[in-house]
Every structure is written in structure tokens, then in C-alpha cells.
Amino acid sequence: MMDKTEIKKNLRREIKSRIEYLEDSYCQKASEIICDRVIAEPAYQTAETVFCFVGTKGEPDTAKILQEALDAGKRVGVPLCISDGVMEVRQIEDLTKDLKPGVFGILEPSPGLPIIKADEIDFAVLPCVTCDHQGNRLGHGKGYYDRFLKETKFPTCMICFEKLISGNIPMDDHDQKADSVITDAE
């Protein structure tokens, strides 16, 4: 019988192969739907400080959320990996000037930008490799988000392409669950 670690590894592999078959047109349309749904969320609407990742291959493109938040005068934080498994949230004010390719080729904020502490965040948009509709999340396995979210109180929303949703994500004690899940289907 496989343990949770094996199951998670196999699931990551399966999702990575599914990502290869996602059409660009689907990803663009789905990203737009997902972003519109996030922006319509009451928790997002009332938030003064929003924490949101920058989407990469296999993830919804979050540029619309980030730009809308900036345009609405919200304080916007983006993750910056500072060491193995540890990240900080840095405030950005401009998507083109403040983001550069980081460690994993993902756009990250410049290290010189102001830090936003977890207790200053009002709403967070979380990434995943895959998740289920109950908010159980499977990340890349490095624990960045689980560590960061451990002591937080703000509402979290996980976004995922419906085509990458999984039925049942095995959870460990340290795994952090999202309050809600938004896909292009629901």
C-alpha cells in the first residue's frame, strides 16, 4: 500500500502530464473566468491588502486580479522565496516594473520592495498543482505556502483549472486547507 507521500508524488506526476495537454485557448478563457470570479468575491471586494501569486504554466494567469487590485487602490502583495521552503510577501505597485523572473523562473517581486506581514493581509489567492473542491491543496511539495499560512487568520481562496481538479487530496497534519476553491466551472 502506498503512503501519502507516494500518492502525492504520483498525483503531481499525473497533473504535470495533464498540463501538457491543456490548450492555450482553454487556459486563457478559464483564467479570465477565474479572475472575474475572484474579483467578485465579497472577501476580495472588502480587502484593503490582497496577497496573490503570479501564475505560471499550468496555473491560472493572475495578472487580471493583480492589476484590478492595483487599479482599485488596494495594497498588493506577491510571494518572494527567500530560502528553501520560506517565503515573504512583498508589496508591488507595478506589474511590469516590480516583477522579475525568480528562482523557479516564476515572476517574483524585487527583494528591495516593502514586506507585507501576514497579519496585514485581508485576503489571499493561493496556487496549487491540484486541489479538490473541499479546499485540500497539493502544492509542489516544498511547503512554502503551508509554512506561511500556518498562523494566519485571513480568508483564502484557491484557484485551479477545472481540468486539473482531483477527487481526493491526501492531507498531512501540516497541510493547510483553503477556505474556498474557484475554478472556471464553479
Protein backbone atom coordinates (compact mmCIF):
# COMPACT_ATOMS: atom_id res chain seq x y z
CA MET A 1 0.00 0.00 0.00
CA MET A 2 1.29 3.47 -0.92
CA ASP A 3 1.82 6.08 1.78
CA LYS A 4 0.61 9.70 1.45
CA THR A 5 4.00 10.87 0.17
CA GLU A 6 3.92 8.32 -2.69
CA ILE A 7 0.30 9.17 -3.52
CA LYS A 8 1.15 12.90 -3.62
CA LYS A 9 4.20 12.28 -5.84
CA ASN A 10 2.13 10.21 -8.27
CA LEU A 11 -0.63 12.82 -8.29
CA ARG A 12 1.88 15.61 -9.06
CA ARG A 13 3.23 13.50 -11.95
CA GLU A 14 -0.29 12.85 -13.28
CA ILE A 15 -1.23 16.55 -13.13
CA LYS A 16 2.03 17.60 -14.83
CA SER A 17 1.19 15.29 -17.74
CA ARG A 18 -2.38 16.71 -17.84
CA ILE A 19 -0.94 20.26 -18.01
CA GLU A 20 0.90 19.31 -21.24
CA TYR A 21 -2.50 18.73 -22.91
CA LEU A 22 -4.13 22.00 -21.82
CA GLU A 23 -4.76 24.19 -24.84
CA ASP A 24 -3.66 27.83 -24.64
CA SER A 25 -7.14 28.97 -25.65
CA TYR A 26 -8.67 26.99 -22.75
CA CYS A 27 -6.11 28.41 -20.27
CA GLN A 28 -6.78 32.00 -21.39
CA LYS A 29 -10.58 31.67 -21.27
CA ALA A 30 -10.51 29.74 -17.97
CA SER A 31 -8.09 32.27 -16.41
CA GLU A 32 -10.41 35.11 -17.34
CA ILE A 33 -13.44 33.37 -15.79
CA ILE A 34 -11.49 32.51 -12.62
CA CYS A 35 -10.12 36.05 -12.24
CA ASP A 36 -13.60 37.55 -12.67
CA ARG A 37 -14.94 35.19 -10.00
CA VAL A 38 -12.15 36.09 -7.55
CA ILE A 39 -12.70 39.82 -8.14
CA ALA A 40 -16.44 39.33 -7.45
CA GLU A 41 -15.76 37.58 -4.11
CA PRO A 42 -17.04 39.66 -1.15
CA ALA A 43 -13.81 38.93 0.80
CA TYR A 44 -11.77 40.31 -2.10
CA GLN A 45 -14.06 43.31 -2.55
CA THR A 46 -13.71 44.40 1.10
CA ALA A 47 -9.98 43.59 1.38
CA GLU A 48 -7.58 46.51 1.63
CA THR A 49 -4.50 44.27 1.36
CA VAL A 50 -4.54 41.37 -1.10
CA PHE A 51 -1.92 38.62 -1.35
CA CYS A 52 -1.83 36.86 -4.73
CA PHE A 53 0.67 34.66 -6.55
CA VAL A 54 1.79 35.28 -10.12
CA GLY A 55 0.50 32.44 -12.32
CA THR A 56 2.87 30.26 -14.32
CA LYS A 57 2.39 27.29 -16.71
CA GLY A 58 -0.44 25.06 -15.55
CA GLU A 59 -1.85 27.77 -13.27
CA PRO A 60 -4.45 30.43 -13.96
CA ASP A 61 -2.94 33.72 -15.18
CA THR A 62 -3.48 36.07 -12.20
CA ALA A 63 -2.39 39.29 -13.94
CA LYS A 64 -6.01 40.48 -14.14
CA ILE A 65 -6.51 40.07 -10.36
CA LEU A 66 -3.21 41.80 -9.59
CA GLN A 67 -3.90 44.69 -11.98
CA GLU A 68 -7.50 45.13 -10.82
CA ALA A 69 -6.36 45.23 -7.18
CA LEU A 70 -3.72 47.85 -8.01
CA ASP A 71 -6.25 49.90 -10.01
CA ALA A 72 -8.71 49.70 -7.11
CA GLY A 73 -6.08 51.20 -4.79
CA LYS A 74 -5.58 48.00 -2.80
CA ARG A 75 -2.21 47.14 -1.31
CA VAL A 76 -0.95 44.17 -3.32
CA GLY A 77 1.48 41.55 -2.05
CA VAL A 78 3.24 38.88 -4.11
CA PRO A 79 5.31 35.95 -2.75
CA LEU A 80 9.10 36.05 -2.74
CA CYS A 81 11.02 32.83 -1.99
CA ILE A 82 13.82 33.82 0.38
CA SER A 83 15.23 30.41 1.32
CA ASP A 84 14.31 26.75 0.95
CA GLY A 85 10.64 26.44 1.92
CA VAL A 86 10.42 30.01 3.25
CA MET A 87 8.69 32.93 1.56
CA GLU A 88 7.82 36.53 2.33
CA VAL A 89 5.17 38.78 0.86
CA ARG A 90 6.47 41.90 -0.88
CA GLN A 91 4.35 44.88 -1.91
CA ILE A 92 4.21 45.67 -5.61
CA GLU A 93 2.86 48.79 -7.31
CA ASP A 94 3.52 47.98 -10.97
CA LEU A 95 3.33 44.57 -12.69
CA THR A 96 5.96 45.38 -15.30
CA LYS A 97 8.50 47.21 -13.12
CA ASP A 98 8.26 45.29 -9.83
CA LEU A 99 8.30 41.65 -11.05
CA LYS A 100 11.34 39.75 -12.35
CA PRO A 101 11.92 36.01 -13.04
CA GLY A 102 13.00 34.34 -9.78
CA VAL A 103 14.43 31.03 -8.58
CA PHE A 104 11.96 28.75 -10.36
CA GLY A 105 11.51 31.06 -13.36
CA ILE A 106 8.36 32.42 -11.72
CA LEU A 107 7.88 36.18 -11.70
CA GLU A 108 8.77 37.45 -8.24
CA PRO A 109 8.92 40.87 -6.60
CA SER A 110 12.30 42.54 -6.23
CA PRO A 111 13.83 41.86 -2.79
CA GLY A 112 14.09 45.62 -2.14
CA LEU A 113 10.31 46.10 -2.10
CA PRO A 114 8.47 46.58 1.23
CA ILE A 115 7.49 43.48 3.22
CA ILE A 116 3.81 42.92 4.00
CA LYS A 117 3.41 40.95 7.22
CA ALA A 118 0.87 38.12 7.35
CA ASP A 119 -1.29 39.95 9.92
CA GLU A 120 -1.67 42.88 7.47
CA ILE A 121 -3.23 40.66 4.75
CA ASP A 122 -7.04 40.74 4.37
CA PHE A 123 -7.46 38.18 1.58
CA ALA A 124 -5.20 35.69 -0.21
CA VAL A 125 -5.37 33.94 -3.58
CA LEU A 126 -3.47 30.64 -3.44
CA PRO A 127 -1.94 28.48 -6.16
CA CYS A 128 -1.85 24.69 -6.33
CA VAL A 129 -0.67 21.89 -8.57
CA THR A 130 -4.13 20.44 -7.98
CA CYS A 131 -6.82 20.55 -5.32
CA ASP A 132 -10.21 19.10 -4.55
CA HIS A 133 -13.47 21.00 -4.20
CA GLN A 134 -13.17 20.87 -0.37
CA GLY A 135 -10.11 23.15 -0.35
CA ASN A 136 -7.48 20.47 0.16
CA ARG A 137 -4.36 21.58 -1.70
CA LEU A 138 -1.48 19.80 -3.35
CA GLY A 139 1.44 22.13 -3.98
CA HIS A 140 4.86 21.42 -5.44
CA GLY A 141 5.97 19.73 -2.21
CA LYS A 142 8.36 22.35 -0.87
CA GLY A 143 5.96 23.57 1.86
CA TYR A 144 6.26 27.32 1.16
CA TYR A 145 2.53 28.01 1.47
CA ASP A 146 1.87 25.53 4.30
CA ARG A 147 4.55 27.20 6.45
CA PHE A 148 3.41 30.70 5.55
CA LEU A 149 -0.30 30.05 6.16
CA LYS A 150 0.14 28.12 9.43
CA GLU A 151 -0.52 31.02 11.82
CA THR A 152 -2.72 33.19 9.61
CA LYS A 153 -6.35 34.29 10.02
CA PHE A 154 -7.21 35.93 6.66
CA PRO A 155 -9.66 34.27 4.23
CA THR A 156 -8.03 32.21 1.49
CA CYS A 157 -9.26 31.30 -1.95
CA MET A 158 -7.50 28.67 -4.05
CA ILE A 159 -7.75 28.87 -7.82
CA CYS A 160 -7.31 25.96 -10.21
CA PHE A 161 -8.31 25.00 -13.71
CA GLU A 162 -11.32 22.66 -13.52
CA LYS A 163 -9.46 20.23 -15.81
CA LEU A 164 -6.75 19.88 -13.12
CA ILE A 165 -9.07 19.29 -10.13
CA SER A 166 -8.58 15.97 -8.33
CA GLY A 167 -11.09 13.91 -6.44
CA ASN A 168 -9.39 13.42 -3.12
CA ILE A 169 -6.14 15.02 -1.95
CA PRO A 170 -4.39 13.17 0.88
CA MET A 171 -3.66 15.64 3.67
CA ASP A 172 -0.93 15.60 6.30
CA ASP A 173 -1.15 17.43 9.65
CA HIS A 174 0.98 20.33 8.36
CA ASP A 175 -1.06 20.80 5.15
CA GLN A 176 -3.11 23.99 5.12
CA LYS A 177 -6.59 23.97 3.63
CA ALA A 178 -8.11 26.87 1.64
CA ASP A 179 -11.40 28.44 2.71
CA SER A 180 -12.80 28.29 -0.82
CA VAL A 181 -11.95 26.97 -4.27
CA ILE A 182 -12.64 28.82 -7.51
CA THR A 183 -12.37 27.13 -10.91
CA ASP A 184 -13.61 28.00 -14.37
CA ALA A 185 -16.59 25.67 -13.77
CA GLU A 186 -17.68 26.75 -10.28
